[in-house]
C-alpha cells in the first residue's frame, strides 16, 4: 500500500515549484470626497440613496463659461440640455422630452427649495443666470415622484453661499463674439450662525443670426439664520427681467444660402423679423424656508408676480 501512493506524493513538490511569485501591489488607496445629496428631503450620502442621482457643485459650474448652463449640465449622464435658440432651453432626462419639441417637460424643478416649475408643467430655466447657481442635483426617473408628477425626474437647484467667514465683494465683466457682454457683481457675508448673499447679473447678446438678440437682468438675494443646531430659517428672493428674440427655423436651401438669416416670410405668413417674434418676461419670486429638524424636510412657500 505504501508504494501505491508514492507517485502522487512525488507530484506535489513539482506543482509547488511551477508557481511564480506574485508581483508586489503598487496601487495606493485614495479617499474620494463624499457627495451629499438632498433627495427625499434628507441630507444623505450619495451611496445611501436608492435612486439614480447626478450632482454638480460650484466648482463644476466654474469649470465652464458662465454665459450658458449647457456645458456644465451636459456632463451628467442621462441628462441633455440644449439651447435651441438664444436663452431658450430644452431639457431631457432619460428621454423625457420625446413627446415635447421644446421647453422643460415632465421634470419638476426646485430652486432653493421653492417650486420653480409652473402649474402648466413648463419651467423657465432661462430666468436663471449660471453665476447664481452653487449646486444642481438631478434625481432621474420615477424615483423623483416625491417632488411631484414628472416621469423624467426632478432637479434641485441651490444658490451660492459663502465658503469662508467674513465679508466678500466680487465683480466681473466678460466680452465675446457677436456682441456678448456680461456684467456680474456679488456681495456676501457669513458668520457662525448664518449668511447673506446678494448677486446681480446682466447679459446682452446681438446673436449670430438675425432676430436673435438677448437681454437678461437677474437679481438674487439669499440668506439663512441658524439659531440652534437643529433649526434654520432661510429667505430667498429672485427677480429676473428677460427679453430675447426668436429667429425661427430654416430649410436646408435657406441655410446654404445664408445661415445667419432669420426665417423668411411666405405667401401666407410673414417672417420672424416682420412678426417681431420675441419672448419677454419679468417675474419676481420669493419665499421663506424653515427647517425645524436636522434631517426633516423643509416647509416652503412661493410667491411670484
C-alpha atoms as a PDB file:
ATOM      1  CA  UNK A   1       0.000   0.000   0.000  1.00  0.00           C
ATOM      2  CA  UNK A   2       2.815   2.442   0.742  1.00  0.00           C
ATOM      3  CA  UNK A   3       4.316   2.009  -2.770  1.00  0.00           C
ATOM      4  CA  UNK A   4       0.895   2.631  -4.430  1.00  0.00           C
ATOM      5  CA  UNK A   5       0.678   6.217  -3.030  1.00  0.00           C
ATOM      6  CA  UNK A   6       4.333   7.144  -3.547  1.00  0.00           C
ATOM      7  CA  UNK A   7       3.853   8.522  -7.109  1.00  0.00           C
ATOM      8  CA  UNK A   8       1.119  11.068  -6.222  1.00  0.00           C
ATOM      9  CA  UNK A   9       3.165  12.278  -3.282  1.00  0.00           C
ATOM     10  CA  UNK A  10       6.138  12.974  -5.535  1.00  0.00           C
ATOM     11  CA  UNK A  11       3.969  15.165  -7.820  1.00  0.00           C
ATOM     12  CA  UNK A  12       3.086  17.633  -5.082  1.00  0.00           C
ATOM     13  CA  UNK A  13       6.551  19.214  -4.855  1.00  0.00           C
ATOM     14  CA  UNK A  14       6.668  19.540  -8.667  1.00  0.00           C
ATOM     15  CA  UNK A  15       3.411  21.502  -8.685  1.00  0.00           C
ATOM     16  CA  UNK A  16       4.708  23.796  -5.978  1.00  0.00           C
ATOM     17  CA  UNK A  17       7.869  24.554  -7.943  1.00  0.00           C
ATOM     18  CA  UNK A  18       5.771  25.616 -11.011  1.00  0.00           C
ATOM     19  CA  UNK A  19       4.141  28.548  -9.176  1.00  0.00           C
ATOM     20  CA  UNK A  20       5.588  32.050  -9.671  1.00  0.00           C
ATOM     21  CA  UNK A  21       5.849  34.809  -7.108  1.00  0.00           C
ATOM     22  CA  UNK A  22       3.071  37.446  -7.435  1.00  0.00           C
ATOM     23  CA  UNK A  23       4.320  40.988  -8.187  1.00  0.00           C
ATOM     24  CA  UNK A  24       4.051  43.463  -5.323  1.00  0.00           C
ATOM     25  CA  UNK A  25       0.921  45.615  -5.137  1.00  0.00           C
ATOM     26  CA  UNK A  26       1.934  49.148  -6.134  1.00  0.00           C
ATOM     27  CA  UNK A  27      -1.542  50.685  -6.007  1.00  0.00           C
ATOM     28  CA  UNK A  28      -2.377  53.148  -3.283  1.00  0.00           C
ATOM     29  CA  UNK A  29      -5.695  53.899  -1.677  1.00  0.00           C
ATOM     30  CA  UNK A  30      -7.171  57.322  -2.435  1.00  0.00           C
ATOM     31  CA  UNK A  31     -10.022  58.722  -0.353  1.00  0.00           C
ATOM     32  CA  UNK A  32     -12.574  60.303  -2.702  1.00  0.00           C
ATOM     33  CA  UNK A  33     -14.649  63.279  -1.496  1.00  0.00           C
ATOM     34  CA  UNK A  34     -18.055  62.253  -0.246  1.00  0.00           C
ATOM     35  CA  UNK A  35     -21.063  63.626  -2.151  1.00  0.00           C
ATOM     36  CA  UNK A  36     -24.102  64.564  -0.079  1.00  0.00           C
ATOM     37  CA  UNK A  37     -27.489  64.841  -1.782  1.00  0.00           C
ATOM     38  CA  UNK A  38     -30.767  66.325  -0.558  1.00  0.00           C
ATOM     39  CA  UNK A  39     -33.117  63.917  -2.298  1.00  0.00           C
ATOM     40  CA  UNK A  40     -36.285  62.903  -0.459  1.00  0.00           C
ATOM     41  CA  UNK A  41     -35.943  65.843   1.913  1.00  0.00           C
ATOM     42  CA  UNK A  42     -32.912  64.460   3.740  1.00  0.00           C
ATOM     43  CA  UNK A  43     -29.216  65.232   3.640  1.00  0.00           C
ATOM     44  CA  UNK A  44     -27.792  61.784   2.901  1.00  0.00           C
ATOM     45  CA  UNK A  45     -24.563  60.469   1.393  1.00  0.00           C
ATOM     46  CA  UNK A  46     -24.973  59.613  -2.269  1.00  0.00           C
ATOM     47  CA  UNK A  47     -24.245  55.924  -1.714  1.00  0.00           C
ATOM     48  CA  UNK A  48     -27.240  55.651   0.650  1.00  0.00           C
ATOM     49  CA  UNK A  49     -29.805  56.942  -1.848  1.00  0.00           C
ATOM     50  CA  UNK A  50     -31.715  54.216  -3.714  1.00  0.00           C
ATOM     51  CA  UNK A  51     -32.045  56.227  -6.919  1.00  0.00           C
ATOM     52  CA  UNK A  52     -30.050  57.410  -9.906  1.00  0.00           C
ATOM     53  CA  UNK A  53     -28.736  60.821  -8.832  1.00  0.00           C
ATOM     54  CA  UNK A  54     -26.329  63.210 -10.535  1.00  0.00           C
ATOM     55  CA  UNK A  55     -24.803  66.229  -8.811  1.00  0.00           C
ATOM     56  CA  UNK A  56     -22.918  69.392  -9.736  1.00  0.00           C
ATOM     57  CA  UNK A  57     -21.302  71.751  -7.256  1.00  0.00           C
ATOM     58  CA  UNK A  58     -19.925  75.260  -7.501  1.00  0.00           C
ATOM     59  CA  UNK A  59     -16.552  74.052  -8.763  1.00  0.00           C
ATOM     60  CA  UNK A  60     -18.247  72.170 -11.605  1.00  0.00           C
ATOM     61  CA  UNK A  61     -20.060  75.303 -12.772  1.00  0.00           C
ATOM     62  CA  UNK A  62     -16.872  77.362 -12.606  1.00  0.00           C
ATOM     63  CA  UNK A  63     -15.086  74.966 -14.973  1.00  0.00           C
ATOM     64  CA  UNK A  64     -17.154  76.246 -17.893  1.00  0.00           C
ATOM     65  CA  UNK A  65     -18.141  79.674 -19.255  1.00  0.00           C
ATOM     66  CA  UNK A  66     -20.976  81.191 -17.256  1.00  0.00           C
ATOM     67  CA  UNK A  67     -22.915  82.581 -20.207  1.00  0.00           C
ATOM     68  CA  UNK A  68     -24.988  79.365 -20.519  1.00  0.00           C
ATOM     69  CA  UNK A  69     -25.902  76.279 -18.480  1.00  0.00           C
ATOM     70  CA  UNK A  70     -25.488  73.740 -21.246  1.00  0.00           C
ATOM     71  CA  UNK A  71     -21.831  72.760 -20.892  1.00  0.00           C
ATOM     72  CA  UNK A  72     -21.934  72.044 -17.161  1.00  0.00           C
ATOM     73  CA  UNK A  73     -25.275  70.211 -17.165  1.00  0.00           C
ATOM     74  CA  UNK A  74     -24.359  68.013 -20.129  1.00  0.00           C
ATOM     75  CA  UNK A  75     -21.544  66.419 -18.125  1.00  0.00           C
ATOM     76  CA  UNK A  76     -24.186  64.438 -16.197  1.00  0.00           C
ATOM     77  CA  UNK A  77     -25.025  61.013 -17.675  1.00  0.00           C
ATOM     78  CA  UNK A  78     -28.594  60.677 -18.908  1.00  0.00           C
ATOM     79  CA  UNK A  79     -29.159  64.453 -18.910  1.00  0.00           C
ATOM     80  CA  UNK A  80     -29.249  66.565 -22.056  1.00  0.00           C
ATOM     81  CA  UNK A  81     -29.677  70.350 -22.058  1.00  0.00           C
ATOM     82  CA  UNK A  82     -29.981  72.063 -25.437  1.00  0.00           C
ATOM     83  CA  UNK A  83     -30.063  75.764 -26.239  1.00  0.00           C
ATOM     84  CA  UNK A  84     -32.237  75.677 -29.346  1.00  0.00           C
ATOM     85  CA  UNK A  85     -32.295  79.484 -29.549  1.00  0.00           C
ATOM     86  CA  UNK A  86     -30.713  82.270 -27.545  1.00  0.00           C
ATOM     87  CA  UNK A  87     -31.691  81.608 -23.899  1.00  0.00           C
ATOM     88  CA  UNK A  88     -34.268  79.013 -24.983  1.00  0.00           C
ATOM     89  CA  UNK A  89     -33.520  75.735 -23.205  1.00  0.00           C
ATOM     90  CA  UNK A  90     -34.757  72.211 -23.838  1.00  0.00           C
ATOM     91  CA  UNK A  91     -34.040  69.715 -21.057  1.00  0.00           C
ATOM     92  CA  UNK A  92     -34.235  65.961 -21.369  1.00  0.00           C
ATOM     93  CA  UNK A  93     -33.701  63.492 -18.528  1.00  0.00           C
ATOM     94  CA  UNK A  94     -33.623  59.913 -19.800  1.00  0.00           C
ATOM     95  CA  UNK A  95     -35.593  60.899 -22.892  1.00  0.00           C
ATOM     96  CA  UNK A  96     -38.323  62.775 -21.034  1.00  0.00           C
ATOM     97  CA  UNK A  97     -38.862  65.176 -23.969  1.00  0.00           C
ATOM     98  CA  UNK A  98     -39.759  62.557 -26.566  1.00  0.00           C
ATOM     99  CA  UNK A  99     -43.282  63.990 -26.836  1.00  0.00           C
ATOM    100  CA  UNK A 100     -42.425  67.663 -26.313  1.00  0.00           C
ATOM    101  CA  UNK A 101     -40.481  69.524 -29.011  1.00  0.00           C
ATOM    102  CA  UNK A 102     -39.433  72.424 -26.778  1.00  0.00           C
ATOM    103  CA  UNK A 103     -39.071  73.587 -23.199  1.00  0.00           C
ATOM    104  CA  UNK A 104     -38.763  71.596 -19.987  1.00  0.00           C
ATOM    105  CA  UNK A 105     -41.463  68.943 -19.692  1.00  0.00           C
ATOM    106  CA  UNK A 106     -42.083  66.022 -17.332  1.00  0.00           C
ATOM    107  CA  UNK A 107     -39.368  67.294 -14.976  1.00  0.00           C
ATOM    108  CA  UNK A 108     -40.012  69.115 -11.701  1.00  0.00           C
ATOM    109  CA  UNK A 109     -37.531  71.862 -10.863  1.00  0.00           C
ATOM    110  CA  UNK A 110     -36.989  73.415  -7.431  1.00  0.00           C
ATOM    111  CA  UNK A 111     -34.879  76.485  -6.742  1.00  0.00           C
ATOM    112  CA  UNK A 112     -33.631  76.942  -3.184  1.00  0.00           C
ATOM    113  CA  UNK A 113     -36.335  74.532  -2.000  1.00  0.00           C
ATOM    114  CA  UNK A 114     -39.101  76.518  -3.721  1.00  0.00           C
ATOM    115  CA  UNK A 115     -41.119  75.113  -6.648  1.00  0.00           C
ATOM    116  CA  UNK A 116     -39.775  76.641  -9.850  1.00  0.00           C
ATOM    117  CA  UNK A 117     -41.953  74.629 -12.231  1.00  0.00           C
ATOM    118  CA  UNK A 118     -45.172  76.386 -13.162  1.00  0.00           C
ATOM    119  CA  UNK A 119     -48.657  74.901 -12.832  1.00  0.00           C
ATOM    120  CA  UNK A 120     -48.702  74.325 -16.591  1.00  0.00           C
ATOM    121  CA  UNK A 121     -45.722  71.989 -16.267  1.00  0.00           C
ATOM    122  CA  UNK A 122     -43.210  74.241 -18.022  1.00  0.00           C
ATOM    123  CA  UNK A 123     -40.074  75.544 -16.321  1.00  0.00           C
ATOM    124  CA  UNK A 124     -38.466  78.878 -17.303  1.00  0.00           C
ATOM    125  CA  UNK A 125     -34.821  77.885 -16.862  1.00  0.00           C
ATOM    126  CA  UNK A 126     -33.787  80.899 -18.935  1.00  0.00           C
ATOM    127  CA  UNK A 127     -34.624  83.147 -15.967  1.00  0.00           C
ATOM    128  CA  UNK A 128     -31.627  81.795 -14.045  1.00  0.00           C
ATOM    129  CA  UNK A 129     -28.099  83.019 -14.606  1.00  0.00           C
ATOM    130  CA  UNK A 130     -25.374  80.361 -14.247  1.00  0.00           C
ATOM    131  CA  UNK A 131     -23.311  82.641 -11.992  1.00  0.00           C
ATOM    132  CA  UNK A 132     -26.038  82.455  -9.335  1.00  0.00           C
ATOM    133  CA  UNK A 133     -26.021  78.661  -9.002  1.00  0.00           C
ATOM    134  CA  UNK A 134     -23.940  76.865  -6.418  1.00  0.00           C
ATOM    135  CA  UNK A 135     -25.310  73.365  -6.816  1.00  0.00           C
ATOM    136  CA  UNK A 136     -27.501  71.174  -9.009  1.00  0.00           C
ATOM    137  CA  UNK A 137     -28.937  67.775  -8.181  1.00  0.00           C
ATOM    138  CA  UNK A 138     -30.784  65.577 -10.680  1.00  0.00           C
ATOM    139  CA  UNK A 139     -32.955  62.701  -9.461  1.00  0.00           C
ATOM    140  CA  UNK A 140     -33.639  60.644 -12.569  1.00  0.00           C
ATOM    141  CA  UNK A 141     -36.752  58.687 -13.413  1.00  0.00           C
ATOM    142  CA  UNK A 142     -39.968  57.970 -11.475  1.00  0.00           C
ATOM    143  CA  UNK A 143     -37.987  57.738  -8.222  1.00  0.00           C
ATOM    144  CA  UNK A 144     -38.369  61.526  -8.028  1.00  0.00           C
ATOM    145  CA  UNK A 145     -42.178  61.319  -7.840  1.00  0.00           C
ATOM    146  CA  UNK A 146     -41.984  62.532  -4.233  1.00  0.00           C
ATOM    147  CA  UNK A 147     -41.405  66.007  -5.726  1.00  0.00           C
ATOM    148  CA  UNK A 148     -44.468  65.827  -7.987  1.00  0.00           C
ATOM    149  CA  UNK A 149     -45.736  64.175 -11.136  1.00  0.00           C
ATOM    150  CA  UNK A 150     -42.862  64.013 -13.570  1.00  0.00           C
ATOM    151  CA  UNK A 151     -41.751  60.903 -15.427  1.00  0.00           C
ATOM    152  CA  UNK A 152     -38.374  62.420 -16.237  1.00  0.00           C
ATOM    153  CA  UNK A 153     -37.326  63.182 -12.667  1.00  0.00           C
ATOM    154  CA  UNK A 154     -36.614  66.223 -10.533  1.00  0.00           C
ATOM    155  CA  UNK A 155     -33.923  68.889 -10.465  1.00  0.00           C
ATOM    156  CA  UNK A 156     -32.948  70.647  -7.240  1.00  0.00           C
ATOM    157  CA  UNK A 157     -31.096  73.940  -7.689  1.00  0.00           C
ATOM    158  CA  UNK A 158     -29.302  75.815  -4.932  1.00  0.00           C
ATOM    159  CA  UNK A 159     -27.741  79.261  -4.951  1.00  0.00           C
ATOM    160  CA  UNK A 160     -24.242  80.204  -3.986  1.00  0.00           C
ATOM    161  CA  UNK A 161     -23.314  80.798  -0.397  1.00  0.00           C
ATOM    162  CA  UNK A 162     -20.113  81.983   1.284  1.00  0.00           C
ATOM    163  CA  UNK A 163     -17.429  79.344   1.714  1.00  0.00           C
ATOM    164  CA  UNK A 164     -15.409  81.265   4.324  1.00  0.00           C
ATOM    165  CA  UNK A 165     -16.444  83.594   7.169  1.00  0.00           C
ATOM    166  CA  UNK A 166     -16.293  87.339   6.653  1.00  0.00           C
ATOM    167  CA  UNK A 167     -17.471  89.795   4.032  1.00  0.00           C
ATOM    168  CA  UNK A 168     -16.505  89.413   0.381  1.00  0.00           C
ATOM    169  CA  UNK A 169     -17.216  91.537  -2.699  1.00  0.00           C
ATOM    170  CA  UNK A 170     -16.666  90.392  -6.279  1.00  0.00           C
ATOM    171  CA  UNK A 171     -17.329  91.783  -9.748  1.00  0.00           C
ATOM    172  CA  UNK A 172     -16.721  90.551 -13.253  1.00  0.00           C
ATOM    173  CA  UNK A 173     -17.022  91.566 -16.874  1.00  0.00           C
ATOM    174  CA  UNK A 174     -16.964  89.359 -19.972  1.00  0.00           C
ATOM    175  CA  UNK A 175     -16.926  90.323 -23.642  1.00  0.00           C
ATOM    176  CA  UNK A 176     -17.193  87.949 -26.556  1.00  0.00           C
ATOM    177  CA  UNK A 177     -18.168  87.471 -30.158  1.00  0.00           C
ATOM    178  CA  UNK A 178     -21.469  88.593 -31.661  1.00  0.00           C
ATOM    179  CA  UNK A 179     -21.939  91.359 -29.135  1.00  0.00           C
ATOM    180  CA  UNK A 180     -21.693  89.263 -25.971  1.00  0.00           C
ATOM    181  CA  UNK A 181     -21.441  91.404 -22.840  1.00  0.00           C
ATOM    182  CA  UNK A 182     -21.714  90.093 -19.293  1.00  0.00           C
ATOM    183  CA  UNK A 183     -21.572  92.025 -16.042  1.00  0.00           C
ATOM    184  CA  UNK A 184     -21.732  90.334 -12.648  1.00  0.00           C
ATOM    185  CA  UNK A 185     -21.488  91.632  -9.102  1.00  0.00           C
ATOM    186  CA  UNK A 186     -21.913  89.917  -5.751  1.00  0.00           C
ATOM    187  CA  UNK A 187     -21.561  90.746  -2.078  1.00  0.00           C
ATOM    188  CA  UNK A 188     -21.743  88.199   0.705  1.00  0.00           C
ATOM    189  CA  UNK A 189     -21.145  87.958   4.402  1.00  0.00           C
ATOM    190  CA  UNK A 190     -21.046  84.950   6.671  1.00  0.00           C
ATOM    191  CA  UNK A 191     -20.934  84.369  10.413  1.00  0.00           C
ATOM    192  CA  UNK A 192     -21.083  81.335  12.635  1.00  0.00           C
ATOM    193  CA  UNK A 193     -24.899  81.423  12.682  1.00  0.00           C
ATOM    194  CA  UNK A 194     -25.830  82.462   9.155  1.00  0.00           C
ATOM    195  CA  UNK A 195     -25.029  84.147   5.889  1.00  0.00           C
ATOM    196  CA  UNK A 196     -26.353  86.712   3.425  1.00  0.00           C
ATOM    197  CA  UNK A 197     -25.628  86.646  -0.300  1.00  0.00           C
ATOM    198  CA  UNK A 198     -26.759  89.189  -2.905  1.00  0.00           C
ATOM    199  CA  UNK A 199     -25.866  88.921  -6.595  1.00  0.00           C
ATOM    200  CA  UNK A 200     -26.687  90.690  -9.842  1.00  0.00           C
ATOM    201  CA  UNK A 201     -26.013  89.511 -13.391  1.00  0.00           C
ATOM    202  CA  UNK A 202     -26.685  91.203 -16.713  1.00  0.00           C
ATOM    203  CA  UNK A 203     -26.091  89.625 -20.106  1.00  0.00           C
ATOM    204  CA  UNK A 204     -26.655  91.070 -23.569  1.00  0.00           C
ATOM    205  CA  UNK A 205     -26.024  89.443 -26.929  1.00  0.00           C
ATOM    206  CA  UNK A 206     -26.573  90.543 -30.518  1.00  0.00           C
ATOM    207  CA  UNK A 207     -26.628  86.943 -31.711  1.00  0.00           C
ATOM    208  CA  UNK A 208     -25.148  85.066 -34.651  1.00  0.00           C
ATOM    209  CA  UNK A 209     -28.374  85.222 -36.672  1.00  0.00           C
ATOM    210  CA  UNK A 210     -30.831  87.965 -37.396  1.00  0.00           C
ATOM    211  CA  UNK A 211     -33.583  88.331 -34.814  1.00  0.00           C
ATOM    212  CA  UNK A 212     -31.571  86.528 -32.088  1.00  0.00           C
ATOM    213  CA  UNK A 213     -30.630  89.280 -29.631  1.00  0.00           C
ATOM    214  CA  UNK A 214     -30.800  88.767 -25.860  1.00  0.00           C
ATOM    215  CA  UNK A 215     -31.046  90.957 -22.785  1.00  0.00           C
ATOM    216  CA  UNK A 216     -31.328  89.463 -19.306  1.00  0.00           C
ATOM    217  CA  UNK A 217     -31.099  91.029 -15.852  1.00  0.00           C
ATOM    218  CA  UNK A 218     -31.202  88.803 -12.768  1.00  0.00           C
ATOM    219  CA  UNK A 219     -31.087  89.825  -9.119  1.00  0.00           C
ATOM    220  CA  UNK A 220     -30.945  87.247  -6.321  1.00  0.00           C
ATOM    221  CA  UNK A 221     -30.942  87.586  -2.548  1.00  0.00           C
ATOM    222  CA  UNK A 222     -30.381  84.588  -0.265  1.00  0.00           C
ATOM    223  CA  UNK A 223     -29.985  84.461   3.481  1.00  0.00           C
ATOM    224  CA  UNK A 224     -30.043  81.949   6.295  1.00  0.00           C
ATOM    225  CA  UNK A 225     -30.069  82.208  10.063  1.00  0.00           C
ATOM    226  CA  UNK A 226     -29.419  79.180  12.246  1.00  0.00           C
ATOM    227  CA  UNK A 227     -30.282  79.970  15.882  1.00  0.00           C
ATOM    228  CA  UNK A 228     -29.680  76.389  17.055  1.00  0.00           C
ATOM    229  CA  UNK A 229     -28.025  73.300  15.663  1.00  0.00           C
ATOM    230  CA  UNK A 230     -31.380  71.799  14.660  1.00  0.00           C
ATOM    231  CA  UNK A 231     -33.187  74.917  13.448  1.00  0.00           C
ATOM    232  CA  UNK A 232     -32.655  77.186  10.457  1.00  0.00           C
ATOM    233  CA  UNK A 233     -34.661  79.928   8.796  1.00  0.00           C
ATOM    234  CA  UNK A 234     -33.931  80.883   5.178  1.00  0.00           C
ATOM    235  CA  UNK A 235     -35.166  83.658   2.919  1.00  0.00           C
ATOM    236  CA  UNK A 236     -34.782  83.599  -0.848  1.00  0.00           C
ATOM    237  CA  UNK A 237     -35.790  86.227  -3.411  1.00  0.00           C
ATOM    238  CA  UNK A 238     -35.280  86.202  -7.171  1.00  0.00           C
ATOM    239  CA  UNK A 239     -36.092  88.849  -9.769  1.00  0.00           C
ATOM    240  CA  UNK A 240     -35.484  88.326 -13.476  1.00  0.00           C
ATOM    241  CA  UNK A 241     -36.174  90.516 -16.489  1.00  0.00           C
ATOM    242  CA  UNK A 242     -35.510  88.772 -19.792  1.00  0.00           C
ATOM    243  CA  UNK A 243     -36.163  89.711 -23.392  1.00  0.00           C
ATOM    244  CA  UNK A 244     -34.852  87.692 -26.324  1.00  0.00           C
ATOM    245  CA  UNK A 245     -35.732  87.321 -29.995  1.00  0.00           C
ATOM    246  CA  UNK A 246     -36.567  84.141 -31.893  1.00  0.00           C
ATOM    247  CA  UNK A 247     -35.022  83.756 -35.376  1.00  0.00           C
ATOM    248  CA  UNK A 248     -37.067  80.717 -36.423  1.00  0.00           C
ATOM    249  CA  UNK A 249     -36.089  77.630 -38.375  1.00  0.00           C
ATOM    250  CA  UNK A 250     -34.587  77.414 -41.842  1.00  0.00           C
ATOM    251  CA  UNK A 251     -34.822  74.893 -44.619  1.00  0.00           C
ATOM    252  CA  UNK A 252     -31.658  73.350 -45.988  1.00  0.00           C
ATOM    253  CA  UNK A 253     -31.736  75.592 -49.044  1.00  0.00           C
ATOM    254  CA  UNK A 254     -32.226  78.706 -46.916  1.00  0.00           C
ATOM    255  CA  UNK A 255     -29.367  77.678 -44.616  1.00  0.00           C
ATOM    256  CA  UNK A 256     -26.981  77.106 -47.511  1.00  0.00           C
ATOM    257  CA  UNK A 257     -27.928  80.480 -48.988  1.00  0.00           C
ATOM    258  CA  UNK A 258     -27.443  82.458 -45.761  1.00  0.00           C
ATOM    259  CA  UNK A 259     -27.064  80.646 -42.417  1.00  0.00           C
ATOM    260  CA  UNK A 260     -27.363  83.910 -40.487  1.00  0.00           C
ATOM    261  CA  UNK A 261     -30.741  84.951 -41.807  1.00  0.00           C
ATOM    262  CA  UNK A 262     -33.949  84.727 -39.801  1.00  0.00           C
ATOM    263  CA  UNK A 263     -36.857  82.677 -41.050  1.00  0.00           C
ATOM    264  CA  UNK A 264     -38.116  84.467 -44.161  1.00  0.00           C
ATOM    265  CA  UNK A 265     -41.750  85.127 -44.872  1.00  0.00           C
ATOM    266  CA  UNK A 266     -44.033  83.143 -47.134  1.00  0.00           C
ATOM    267  CA  UNK A 267     -47.109  83.924 -49.173  1.00  0.00           C
ATOM    268  CA  UNK A 268     -49.392  83.171 -46.233  1.00  0.00           C
ATOM    269  CA  UNK A 269     -47.253  84.231 -43.250  1.00  0.00           C
ATOM    270  CA  UNK A 270     -44.659  86.942 -42.628  1.00  0.00           C
ATOM    271  CA  UNK A 271     -41.145  86.155 -41.419  1.00  0.00           C
ATOM    272  CA  UNK A 272     -39.921  86.427 -37.850  1.00  0.00           C
ATOM    273  CA  UNK A 273     -38.398  89.874 -38.438  1.00  0.00           C
ATOM    274  CA  UNK A 274     -41.695  91.228 -39.746  1.00  0.00           C
ATOM    275  CA  UNK A 275     -43.584  89.490 -36.951  1.00  0.00           C
ATOM    276  CA  UNK A 276     -41.082  90.739 -34.369  1.00  0.00           C
ATOM    277  CA  UNK A 277     -41.122  87.344 -32.711  1.00  0.00           C
ATOM    278  CA  UNK A 278     -39.688  87.569 -29.225  1.00  0.00           C
ATOM    279  CA  UNK A 279     -40.032  86.343 -25.655  1.00  0.00           C
ATOM    280  CA  UNK A 280     -40.315  88.737 -22.738  1.00  0.00           C
ATOM    281  CA  UNK A 281     -40.865  88.058 -19.066  1.00  0.00           C
ATOM    282  CA  UNK A 282     -40.228  89.757 -15.727  1.00  0.00           C
ATOM    283  CA  UNK A 283     -41.248  87.539 -12.779  1.00  0.00           C
ATOM    284  CA  UNK A 284     -40.348  88.012  -9.133  1.00  0.00           C
ATOM    285  CA  UNK A 285     -40.311  85.048  -6.759  1.00  0.00           C
ATOM    286  CA  UNK A 286     -39.703  84.974  -3.034  1.00  0.00           C
ATOM    287  CA  UNK A 287     -40.351  82.639  -0.168  1.00  0.00           C
ATOM    288  CA  UNK A 288     -39.195  81.612   3.306  1.00  0.00           C
ATOM    289  CA  UNK A 289     -37.924  78.160   4.132  1.00  0.00           C
ATOM    290  CA  UNK A 290     -37.817  76.693   7.629  1.00  0.00           C
ATOM    291  CA  UNK A 291     -36.004  73.564   8.729  1.00  0.00           C
ATOM    292  CA  UNK A 292     -37.208  72.528  12.179  1.00  0.00           C
ATOM    293  CA  UNK A 293     -35.004  69.431  12.317  1.00  0.00           C
ATOM    294  CA  UNK A 294     -31.611  68.412  11.078  1.00  0.00           C
ATOM    295  CA  UNK A 295     -32.958  65.531   8.967  1.00  0.00           C
ATOM    296  CA  UNK A 296     -36.530  66.607   8.317  1.00  0.00           C
ATOM    297  CA  UNK A 297     -37.944  68.025   5.120  1.00  0.00           C
ATOM    298  CA  UNK A 298     -38.230  71.759   4.650  1.00  0.00           C
ATOM    299  CA  UNK A 299     -41.503  73.660   4.575  1.00  0.00           C
ATOM    300  CA  UNK A 300     -41.555  76.333   1.929  1.00  0.00           C
ATOM    301  CA  UNK A 301     -43.848  78.805   0.266  1.00  0.00           C
ATOM    302  CA  UNK A 302     -43.571  80.577  -3.049  1.00  0.00           C
ATOM    303  CA  UNK A 303     -44.948  83.824  -4.298  1.00  0.00           C
ATOM    304  CA  UNK A 304     -44.453  85.002  -7.847  1.00  0.00           C
ATOM    305  CA  UNK A 305     -45.709  88.098  -9.600  1.00  0.00           C
END
